[in-house]
């Protein structure tokens, strides 16, 4: 369930007022804001922990999605080797040659021209 920053701020305040007791924080929140959706009691502790760890309410983007697999790392290395040997190769041809999606190749090169020593051309943007 997504909550606004205002709602999450109020959750943190209620959690503090309840001295870290999630069930009590939920009860206080319901009394103070009867018109709002009532979060699960675990949400109060989760919001506070996220705020402590990240300094913000929203989760870090690095915590999302799947981990990179060995196959992905191998494909990246192969892509860079192919580009080194044929700098003019198109992304479409490169993705076909390596056996990965066009999007995978495109994402590898987004913003990485300096890192991999590629010319800043539209082929790799």
Protein backbone atom coordinates (compact mmCIF):
# COMPACT_ATOMS: atom_id res chain seq x y z
CA UNK A 1 0.00 0.00 0.00
CA UNK A 2 1.41 3.40 -0.92
CA UNK A 3 1.19 6.22 1.58
CA UNK A 4 1.95 9.89 1.09
CA UNK A 5 4.89 11.54 2.81
CA UNK A 6 2.43 13.33 5.06
CA UNK A 7 0.82 10.05 6.12
CA UNK A 8 4.20 8.43 6.74
CA UNK A 9 5.33 11.44 8.78
CA UNK A 10 2.26 11.03 10.96
CA UNK A 11 3.03 7.30 11.31
CA UNK A 12 6.52 8.13 12.55
CA UNK A 13 5.13 10.65 15.03
CA UNK A 14 2.56 8.18 16.36
CA UNK A 15 5.21 5.47 16.60
CA UNK A 16 7.36 7.80 18.69
CA UNK A 17 4.42 8.82 20.84
CA UNK A 18 3.71 5.12 21.43
CA UNK A 19 7.35 4.59 22.45
CA UNK A 20 7.99 2.13 19.63
CA UNK A 21 4.88 0.02 20.19
CA UNK A 22 3.41 -0.63 16.73
CA UNK A 23 -0.01 -1.72 17.95
CA UNK A 24 -0.34 1.35 20.15
CA UNK A 25 0.89 3.56 17.29
CA UNK A 26 -1.80 2.12 15.04
CA UNK A 27 -4.47 2.84 17.66
CA UNK A 28 -3.25 6.43 18.12
CA UNK A 29 -3.13 6.93 14.35
CA UNK A 30 -6.72 5.70 14.00
CA UNK A 31 -7.88 8.09 16.72
CA UNK A 32 -6.02 11.05 15.25
CA UNK A 33 -6.94 10.39 11.60
CA UNK A 34 -10.24 8.49 11.42
CA UNK A 35 -10.78 9.52 7.79
CA UNK A 36 -7.53 7.95 6.55
CA UNK A 37 -6.74 4.39 5.54
CA UNK A 38 -5.52 2.45 8.54
CA UNK A 39 -2.09 0.90 7.95
CA UNK A 40 -1.10 -2.49 9.27
CA UNK A 41 0.75 -2.22 12.58
CA UNK A 42 3.94 -3.55 10.92
CA UNK A 43 3.91 -0.59 8.54
CA UNK A 44 4.75 1.79 11.38
CA UNK A 45 7.98 -0.01 12.27
CA UNK A 46 8.86 -0.48 8.58
CA UNK A 47 8.47 3.23 7.81
CA UNK A 48 10.62 4.19 10.80
CA UNK A 49 13.30 1.66 9.87
CA UNK A 50 13.36 2.83 6.25
CA UNK A 51 13.70 6.42 7.42
CA UNK A 52 16.61 5.47 9.70
CA UNK A 53 18.41 3.45 7.03
CA UNK A 54 17.83 5.64 3.98
CA UNK A 55 17.09 9.05 5.43
CA UNK A 56 13.88 9.13 3.41
CA UNK A 57 10.52 7.41 3.29
CA UNK A 58 10.87 5.84 -0.14
CA UNK A 59 12.88 2.64 -0.54
CA UNK A 60 16.21 2.74 -2.35
CA UNK A 61 15.97 1.76 -5.98
CA UNK A 62 18.93 -0.54 -5.55
CA UNK A 63 16.75 -2.72 -3.34
CA UNK A 64 14.37 -3.43 -6.18
CA UNK A 65 14.43 -6.01 -8.91
CA UNK A 66 16.44 -9.12 -9.45
CA UNK A 67 20.12 -9.46 -8.74
CA UNK A 68 22.43 -9.47 -11.70
CA UNK A 69 23.27 -12.98 -12.72
CA UNK A 70 26.56 -14.42 -13.85
CA UNK A 71 25.05 -14.66 -17.35
CA UNK A 72 24.42 -10.90 -17.38
CA UNK A 73 27.98 -10.18 -16.33
CA UNK A 74 29.32 -12.54 -19.01
CA UNK A 75 27.11 -10.86 -21.62
CA UNK A 76 28.38 -7.41 -20.60
CA UNK A 77 31.96 -8.54 -21.00
CA UNK A 78 31.20 -10.07 -24.38
CA UNK A 79 29.37 -6.92 -25.52
CA UNK A 80 32.34 -4.75 -24.59
CA UNK A 81 34.73 -7.09 -26.42
CA UNK A 82 32.60 -7.01 -29.58
CA UNK A 83 32.38 -3.20 -29.48
CA UNK A 84 36.13 -2.95 -28.98
CA UNK A 85 36.67 -5.00 -32.14
CA UNK A 86 33.87 -3.32 -34.13
CA UNK A 87 33.15 0.17 -32.72
CA UNK A 88 30.64 0.97 -35.48
CA UNK A 89 28.34 -1.97 -34.75
CA UNK A 90 24.70 -1.12 -34.17
CA UNK A 91 22.95 -2.00 -30.94
CA UNK A 92 20.52 -4.24 -32.80
CA UNK A 93 23.28 -6.23 -34.48
CA UNK A 94 25.25 -6.34 -31.22
CA UNK A 95 22.28 -7.69 -29.28
CA UNK A 96 21.73 -10.37 -31.94
CA UNK A 97 25.40 -11.37 -31.96
CA UNK A 98 25.65 -11.66 -28.17
CA UNK A 99 22.19 -13.17 -27.73
CA UNK A 100 20.68 -10.61 -25.37
CA UNK A 101 17.83 -8.16 -25.81
CA UNK A 102 18.20 -4.82 -27.54
CA UNK A 103 17.13 -3.14 -24.29
CA UNK A 104 19.83 -4.93 -22.30
CA UNK A 105 22.52 -3.62 -24.64
CA UNK A 106 21.01 -0.14 -24.72
CA UNK A 107 20.89 0.06 -20.92
CA UNK A 108 24.51 -1.04 -20.67
CA UNK A 109 25.62 1.94 -22.72
CA UNK A 110 23.30 4.60 -21.32
CA UNK A 111 25.50 7.15 -19.63
CA UNK A 112 28.58 4.94 -19.85
CA UNK A 113 30.37 6.46 -22.85
CA UNK A 114 33.25 7.74 -20.74
CA UNK A 115 33.47 4.55 -18.69
CA UNK A 116 33.91 2.25 -21.66
CA UNK A 117 35.67 4.74 -23.95
CA UNK A 118 32.96 4.88 -26.60
CA UNK A 119 32.24 7.85 -28.81
CA UNK A 120 29.11 9.71 -27.78
CA UNK A 121 27.01 8.87 -30.84
CA UNK A 122 23.31 8.26 -31.20
CA UNK A 123 23.98 4.54 -31.74
CA UNK A 124 24.82 4.11 -28.08
CA UNK A 125 22.39 6.54 -26.44
